[in-house]
Amino acid sequence: MKRYYEVEELIRILTDKGYKGYFMTQAGYPGRLNESMERFLANLDPRCDFIKNLILETYLDWNGEDKPSIQCFISLKNDNGRFTFDAMEIIQKDRFGKSISEKRLTDMVIDSLPARADAIKMVREEMKNLSSTHKKGWRF
């Protein structure tokens, strides 16, 4: 499998895997994935060194501020406009923003990233496993 991807190819792979929502690139430039990345790359200062790491952030599941959510961070290494996968972090948060379950994926290529639905299942399954190991109620 390929390790390096051009911007357009990276966007196509992620949207094919179901990551079609709104993103933020480097904690800014909100919009659809292609809009966010294009605006970020267009606003880079050509006199500065090219950014080596790039963070994409999105919600995989969002039902309002007062509801639990699942957030995803994708870290990419940038080699002069060619990207390689660094890490993916999927975090399930309660309605107060506290992390209740998280999964970190590393040592993968972009082609093998889980689909959006599978990423959601990963943290929900982990949450089920955690809750089944804790006994409910008081024991004396």
Protein backbone atom coordinates (compact mmCIF):
# COMPACT_ATOMS: atom_id res chain seq x y z
CA MET A 1 0.00 0.00 0.00
CA LYS A 2 1.04 3.57 -0.60
CA ARG A 3 2.37 5.60 2.25
CA TYR A 4 2.30 9.10 0.73
CA TYR A 5 -0.85 10.80 -0.56
CA GLU A 6 -1.53 14.05 -2.35
CA VAL A 7 -4.21 16.36 -0.87
CA GLU A 8 -6.94 15.43 -3.39
CA GLU A 9 -6.29 11.71 -2.94
CA LEU A 10 -6.35 12.03 0.85
CA ILE A 11 -9.67 13.90 0.74
CA ARG A 12 -11.17 11.26 -1.58
CA ILE A 13 -10.11 8.37 0.67
CA LEU A 14 -11.50 10.01 3.82
CA THR A 15 -14.83 10.96 2.20
CA ASP A 16 -15.18 7.44 0.76
CA LYS A 17 -14.77 6.11 4.30
CA GLY A 18 -17.66 8.28 5.50
CA TYR A 19 -15.80 11.26 6.93
CA LYS A 20 -18.08 13.75 5.17
CA GLY A 21 -18.86 16.16 7.99
CA TYR A 22 -17.32 19.47 8.89
CA PHE A 23 -13.65 19.64 9.83
CA MET A 24 -11.18 22.04 11.34
CA THR A 25 -7.61 21.97 10.08
CA GLN A 26 -4.96 22.99 12.63
CA ALA A 27 -7.74 24.23 14.97
CA GLY A 28 -9.01 26.66 12.35
CA TYR A 29 -10.49 26.88 8.87
CA PRO A 30 -13.89 25.26 9.54
CA GLY A 31 -15.75 23.69 6.63
CA ARG A 32 -16.06 20.49 4.66
CA LEU A 33 -12.81 18.55 4.48
CA ASN A 34 -11.76 19.82 1.06
CA GLU A 35 -12.67 23.45 1.92
CA SER A 36 -10.89 23.31 5.26
CA MET A 37 -7.65 21.83 3.94
CA GLU A 38 -7.57 24.03 0.84
CA ARG A 39 -8.09 27.22 2.88
CA PHE A 40 -5.42 26.17 5.37
CA LEU A 41 -2.86 25.34 2.67
CA ALA A 42 -3.68 28.52 0.73
CA ASN A 43 -3.04 30.65 3.82
CA LEU A 44 0.38 29.19 4.61
CA ASP A 45 3.16 31.75 4.41
CA PRO A 46 5.47 30.59 1.60
CA ARG A 47 8.46 32.20 3.33
CA CYS A 48 8.04 29.96 6.40
CA ASP A 49 8.94 26.31 6.63
CA PHE A 50 6.16 24.03 5.51
CA ILE A 51 4.18 22.64 8.45
CA LYS A 52 5.40 19.13 9.29
CA ASN A 53 2.34 17.85 11.18
CA LEU A 54 -1.25 18.55 10.31
CA ILE A 55 -4.21 17.89 12.62
CA LEU A 56 -7.71 17.33 11.22
CA GLU A 57 -10.54 17.48 13.74
CA THR A 58 -14.18 16.47 13.30
CA TYR A 59 -17.19 15.12 15.17
CA LEU A 60 -18.24 11.60 14.24
CA ASP A 61 -21.41 11.87 16.33
CA TRP A 62 -22.96 15.14 17.50
CA ASN A 63 -26.49 15.65 18.78
CA GLY A 64 -26.13 18.99 20.58
CA GLU A 65 -24.08 20.54 23.35
CA ASP A 66 -26.08 18.86 26.12
CA LYS A 67 -25.65 15.35 24.65
CA PRO A 68 -22.71 12.92 24.51
CA SER A 69 -20.51 13.21 21.41
CA ILE A 70 -17.72 11.38 19.60
CA GLN A 71 -14.80 13.46 18.37
CA CYS A 72 -12.01 12.41 16.02
CA PHE A 73 -8.50 13.80 15.54
CA ILE A 74 -6.41 12.67 12.57
CA SER A 75 -2.73 13.54 12.68
CA LEU A 76 -0.88 13.59 9.37
CA LYS A 77 2.79 14.06 8.64
CA ASN A 78 3.41 16.48 5.83
CA ASP A 79 6.32 16.07 3.44
CA ASN A 80 6.03 19.10 1.10
CA GLY A 81 2.37 18.54 0.25
CA ARG A 82 2.46 14.75 0.38
CA PHE A 83 0.79 13.31 3.46
CA THR A 84 1.30 10.17 5.48
CA PHE A 85 -0.79 8.95 8.42
CA ASP A 86 0.61 9.51 11.90
CA ALA A 87 -2.22 8.75 14.35
CA MET A 88 -5.99 8.79 14.80
CA GLU A 89 -7.65 9.46 18.13
CA ILE A 90 -11.36 8.79 18.66
CA ILE A 91 -12.82 10.18 21.88
CA GLN A 92 -16.30 9.65 23.27
CA LYS A 93 -17.29 12.44 25.65
CA ASP A 94 -20.19 12.77 28.04
CA ARG A 95 -22.54 15.75 27.95
CA PHE A 96 -20.14 17.75 30.12
CA GLY A 97 -17.18 17.22 27.77
CA LYS A 98 -15.41 14.66 29.96
CA SER A 99 -13.73 11.80 28.10
CA ILE A 100 -15.44 8.50 28.88
CA SER A 101 -13.88 6.28 26.22
CA GLU A 102 -11.09 6.71 23.73
CA LYS A 103 -9.19 4.76 21.12
CA ARG A 104 -5.82 5.64 19.54
CA LEU A 105 -4.73 4.10 16.25
CA THR A 106 -1.13 4.25 15.04
CA ASP A 107 1.14 2.33 12.66
CA MET A 108 -1.39 2.27 9.84
CA VAL A 109 -1.68 3.61 6.33
CA ILE A 110 -4.51 5.90 5.33
CA ASP A 111 -6.14 3.18 3.21
CA SER A 112 -6.58 0.99 6.30
CA LEU A 113 -8.21 3.64 8.50
CA PRO A 114 -11.58 2.48 9.82
CA ALA A 115 -14.73 3.76 8.17
CA ARG A 116 -16.62 6.39 10.15
CA ALA A 117 -19.23 3.88 11.36
CA ASP A 118 -16.51 1.45 12.48
CA ALA A 119 -14.67 4.21 14.34
CA ILE A 120 -17.86 5.03 16.24
CA LYS A 121 -18.35 1.36 17.11
CA MET A 122 -14.79 1.15 18.47
CA VAL A 123 -15.36 3.66 21.25
CA ARG A 124 -18.91 2.51 21.95
CA GLU A 125 -17.74 -1.12 22.28
CA GLU A 126 -14.94 -0.02 24.58
CA MET A 127 -17.50 1.85 26.68
CA LYS A 128 -19.71 -1.28 26.87
CA ASN A 129 -16.71 -3.35 27.95
CA LEU A 130 -15.82 -0.83 30.65
CA SER A 131 -19.36 -0.67 31.99
CA SER A 132 -19.75 -4.47 32.06
CA THR A 133 -16.62 -4.85 34.21
CA HIS A 134 -17.90 -2.44 36.85
CA LYS A 135 -20.45 -3.90 39.23
CA LYS A 136 -23.47 -1.76 39.94
CA GLY A 137 -24.68 -1.02 43.42
CA TRP A 138 -23.07 -1.14 46.82
CA ARG A 139 -21.56 -4.28 48.34
CA PHE A 140 -20.84 -4.67 52.01
